[in-house]
Structures are given as structure tokens and as C-alpha cells.
Amino acid sequence: MDVRRSVKIGDLVKRKKNIALKCGYGIVTSLYQGGSNPVHQCATILYPQIGKEYDIAVNLIEVIK
């Protein structure tokens, strides 16, 4: 499954690798093209547990079903 095509605004997601942040689950609030070399799909994720939003490449998150 191509995750980049399945992510939609309002989806419940988590980071594939929760490196340093202990964010838990988040909600996709926006999708946009970002980055450079190459430009790639990005998402803004709201993490209610910590009350913050972060931007991340869509290929680094997975949708919770």
C-alpha cells in the first residue's frame, strides 16, 4: 500500500519511528508539498497529548486503522 496516497486530513496517525519525541498518536491537520531536492508530500500533525503541531514527511507516518 502506498501510504502517501492513503493519508487524508483528519486521519489518526503515528510516526513510523518515534525517535526522540514521545508524541503518541496525532491527527493530520493539513497536507502540502514541501522540502527540496526532491519536493515531497508533507503533513502537519496535531498531537493532542502534548498540545503541539509538527510538520513531517508523509512517508514517515502511518495511518492507524
N, C-alpha and C. Protein backbone atom coordinates (compact mmCIF):
# COMPACT_ATOMS: atom_id res chain seq x y z
N MET A 1 0.84 -1.18 0.00
CA MET A 1 0.00 0.00 0.00
C MET A 1 0.88 1.24 0.00
N ASP A 2 0.54 2.21 -0.80
CA ASP A 2 1.27 3.47 -0.88
C ASP A 2 0.70 4.43 0.16
N VAL A 3 1.44 4.60 1.26
CA VAL A 3 0.95 5.42 2.38
C VAL A 3 0.70 6.85 1.95
N ARG A 4 1.52 7.39 1.06
CA ARG A 4 1.38 8.79 0.65
C ARG A 4 0.01 9.07 0.05
N ARG A 5 -0.59 8.11 -0.61
CA ARG A 5 -1.89 8.31 -1.23
C ARG A 5 -3.03 8.06 -0.25
N SER A 6 -2.77 7.35 0.84
CA SER A 6 -3.85 6.99 1.74
C SER A 6 -4.04 7.99 2.88
N VAL A 7 -3.09 8.87 3.11
CA VAL A 7 -3.21 9.83 4.21
C VAL A 7 -4.15 10.97 3.80
N LYS A 8 -5.12 11.25 4.67
CA LYS A 8 -6.08 12.33 4.41
C LYS A 8 -6.17 13.21 5.65
N ILE A 9 -6.60 14.43 5.46
CA ILE A 9 -6.83 15.34 6.59
C ILE A 9 -7.87 14.70 7.51
N GLY A 10 -7.57 14.70 8.80
CA GLY A 10 -8.46 14.11 9.79
C GLY A 10 -8.07 12.70 10.20
N ASP A 11 -7.13 12.07 9.49
CA ASP A 11 -6.70 10.71 9.83
C ASP A 11 -5.94 10.69 11.15
N LEU A 12 -6.08 9.60 11.87
CA LEU A 12 -5.30 9.34 13.07
C LEU A 12 -4.03 8.64 12.62
N VAL A 13 -2.87 9.18 13.00
CA VAL A 13 -1.59 8.65 12.54
C VAL A 13 -0.60 8.54 13.68
N LYS A 14 0.49 7.82 13.42
CA LYS A 14 1.63 7.80 14.34
C LYS A 14 2.89 7.78 13.50
N ARG A 15 3.99 8.20 14.12
CA ARG A 15 5.28 8.16 13.44
C ARG A 15 5.71 6.72 13.29
N LYS A 16 6.34 6.39 12.16
CA LYS A 16 6.84 5.03 11.97
C LYS A 16 7.94 4.74 12.97
N LYS A 17 8.82 5.72 13.18
CA LYS A 17 9.88 5.59 14.18
C LYS A 17 9.75 6.77 15.12
N ASN A 18 9.42 6.51 16.35
CA ASN A 18 9.25 7.56 17.34
C ASN A 18 10.61 7.85 17.97
N ILE A 19 11.43 8.59 17.27
CA ILE A 19 12.84 8.77 17.62
C ILE A 19 12.99 9.46 19.00
N ALA A 20 12.95 10.75 19.03
CA ALA A 20 13.16 11.46 20.29
C ALA A 20 11.86 11.96 20.90
N LEU A 21 10.87 12.20 20.05
CA LEU A 21 9.61 12.74 20.53
C LEU A 21 8.71 11.63 21.03
N LYS A 22 8.11 11.83 22.17
CA LYS A 22 7.13 10.88 22.71
C LYS A 22 5.77 11.48 22.48
N CYS A 23 5.39 11.57 21.20
CA CYS A 23 4.16 12.26 20.82
C CYS A 23 2.92 11.38 20.89
N GLY A 24 3.07 10.08 20.72
CA GLY A 24 1.91 9.21 20.65
C GLY A 24 1.21 9.35 19.32
N TYR A 25 -0.11 9.35 19.36
CA TYR A 25 -0.92 9.46 18.14
C TYR A 25 -1.23 10.91 17.83
N GLY A 26 -1.41 11.20 16.54
CA GLY A 26 -1.73 12.55 16.12
C GLY A 26 -2.81 12.56 15.05
N ILE A 27 -3.29 13.76 14.74
CA ILE A 27 -4.34 13.96 13.75
C ILE A 27 -3.77 14.84 12.64
N VAL A 28 -3.96 14.41 11.39
CA VAL A 28 -3.49 15.17 10.24
C VAL A 28 -4.36 16.42 10.09
N THR A 29 -3.74 17.61 10.13
CA THR A 29 -4.49 18.85 10.00
C THR A 29 -4.30 19.52 8.65
N SER A 30 -3.20 19.18 7.94
CA SER A 30 -3.00 19.71 6.58
C SER A 30 -2.01 18.84 5.82
N LEU A 31 -2.12 18.88 4.51
CA LEU A 31 -1.19 18.19 3.61
C LEU A 31 -0.68 19.20 2.59
N TYR A 32 0.59 19.11 2.25
CA TYR A 32 1.17 20.06 1.30
C TYR A 32 2.45 19.49 0.71
N GLN A 33 2.90 20.08 -0.37
CA GLN A 33 4.19 19.72 -0.98
C GLN A 33 5.26 20.55 -0.29
N GLY A 34 6.31 19.90 0.19
CA GLY A 34 7.35 20.63 0.91
C GLY A 34 8.71 20.04 0.63
N GLY A 35 9.69 20.52 1.35
CA GLY A 35 11.04 20.03 1.19
C GLY A 35 11.64 20.48 -0.12
N SER A 36 12.84 20.02 -0.35
CA SER A 36 13.50 20.32 -1.61
C SER A 36 14.46 19.18 -1.93
N ASN A 37 14.64 18.99 -3.22
CA ASN A 37 15.59 18.01 -3.73
C ASN A 37 15.43 16.63 -3.13
N PRO A 38 14.35 15.94 -3.31
CA PRO A 38 13.19 16.31 -4.11
C PRO A 38 12.07 16.90 -3.25
N VAL A 39 11.17 17.60 -3.91
CA VAL A 39 9.96 18.07 -3.24
C VAL A 39 9.14 16.82 -2.92
N HIS A 40 8.54 16.78 -1.73
CA HIS A 40 7.80 15.61 -1.31
C HIS A 40 6.54 16.00 -0.53
N GLN A 41 5.64 15.04 -0.38
CA GLN A 41 4.40 15.27 0.35
C GLN A 41 4.70 15.38 1.83
N CYS A 42 4.18 16.43 2.47
CA CYS A 42 4.34 16.64 3.91
C CYS A 42 2.98 16.78 4.57
N ALA A 43 2.96 16.61 5.87
CA ALA A 43 1.73 16.75 6.64
C ALA A 43 2.02 17.52 7.91
N THR A 44 1.03 18.27 8.36
CA THR A 44 1.08 18.89 9.68
C THR A 44 0.25 18.00 10.58
N ILE A 45 0.84 17.59 11.70
CA ILE A 45 0.19 16.66 12.62
C ILE A 45 -0.01 17.36 13.96
N LEU A 46 -1.23 17.32 14.47
CA LEU A 46 -1.55 17.83 15.81
C LEU A 46 -1.48 16.66 16.78
N TYR A 47 -0.64 16.79 17.79
CA TYR A 47 -0.52 15.77 18.83
C TYR A 47 -1.23 16.26 20.07
N PRO A 48 -2.47 15.83 20.30
CA PRO A 48 -3.26 16.33 21.43
C PRO A 48 -2.63 16.04 22.80
N GLN A 49 -1.89 14.94 22.92
CA GLN A 49 -1.29 14.58 24.21
C GLN A 49 -0.30 15.62 24.70
N ILE A 50 0.38 16.28 23.75
CA ILE A 50 1.38 17.28 24.14
C ILE A 50 0.97 18.68 23.72
N GLY A 51 -0.14 18.80 23.00
CA GLY A 51 -0.66 20.11 22.61
C GLY A 51 0.19 20.86 21.61
N LYS A 52 0.87 20.13 20.72
CA LYS A 52 1.73 20.78 19.72
C LYS A 52 1.47 20.21 18.34
N GLU A 53 1.86 21.00 17.31
CA GLU A 53 1.79 20.56 15.92
C GLU A 53 3.20 20.46 15.37
N TYR A 54 3.42 19.44 14.56
CA TYR A 54 4.71 19.27 13.90
C TYR A 54 4.48 18.95 12.43
N ASP A 55 5.42 19.37 11.58
CA ASP A 55 5.40 19.03 10.16
C ASP A 55 6.33 17.85 9.96
N ILE A 56 5.91 16.92 9.09
CA ILE A 56 6.69 15.71 8.86
C ILE A 56 6.41 15.20 7.46
N ALA A 57 7.38 14.55 6.87
CA ALA A 57 7.17 13.91 5.56
C ALA A 57 6.15 12.79 5.71
N VAL A 58 5.25 12.68 4.76
CA VAL A 58 4.19 11.69 4.83
C VAL A 58 4.75 10.26 4.86
N ASN A 59 5.88 10.02 4.21
CA ASN A 59 6.43 8.66 4.22
C ASN A 59 6.99 8.25 5.58
N LEU A 60 7.01 9.16 6.54
CA LEU A 60 7.49 8.83 7.89
C LEU A 60 6.36 8.59 8.89
N ILE A 61 5.11 8.62 8.41
CA ILE A 61 3.96 8.37 9.29
C ILE A 61 3.14 7.22 8.74
N GLU A 62 2.34 6.62 9.61
CA GLU A 62 1.43 5.57 9.17
C GLU A 62 0.04 5.83 9.76
N VAL A 63 -0.97 5.49 8.97
CA VAL A 63 -2.35 5.68 9.37
C VAL A 63 -2.75 4.55 10.32
N ILE A 64 -3.42 4.91 11.40
CA ILE A 64 -3.93 3.93 12.36
C ILE A 64 -5.33 3.56 11.93
N LYS A 65 -5.58 2.27 11.80
CA LYS A 65 -6.91 1.82 11.34
C LYS A 65 -7.69 1.22 12.47
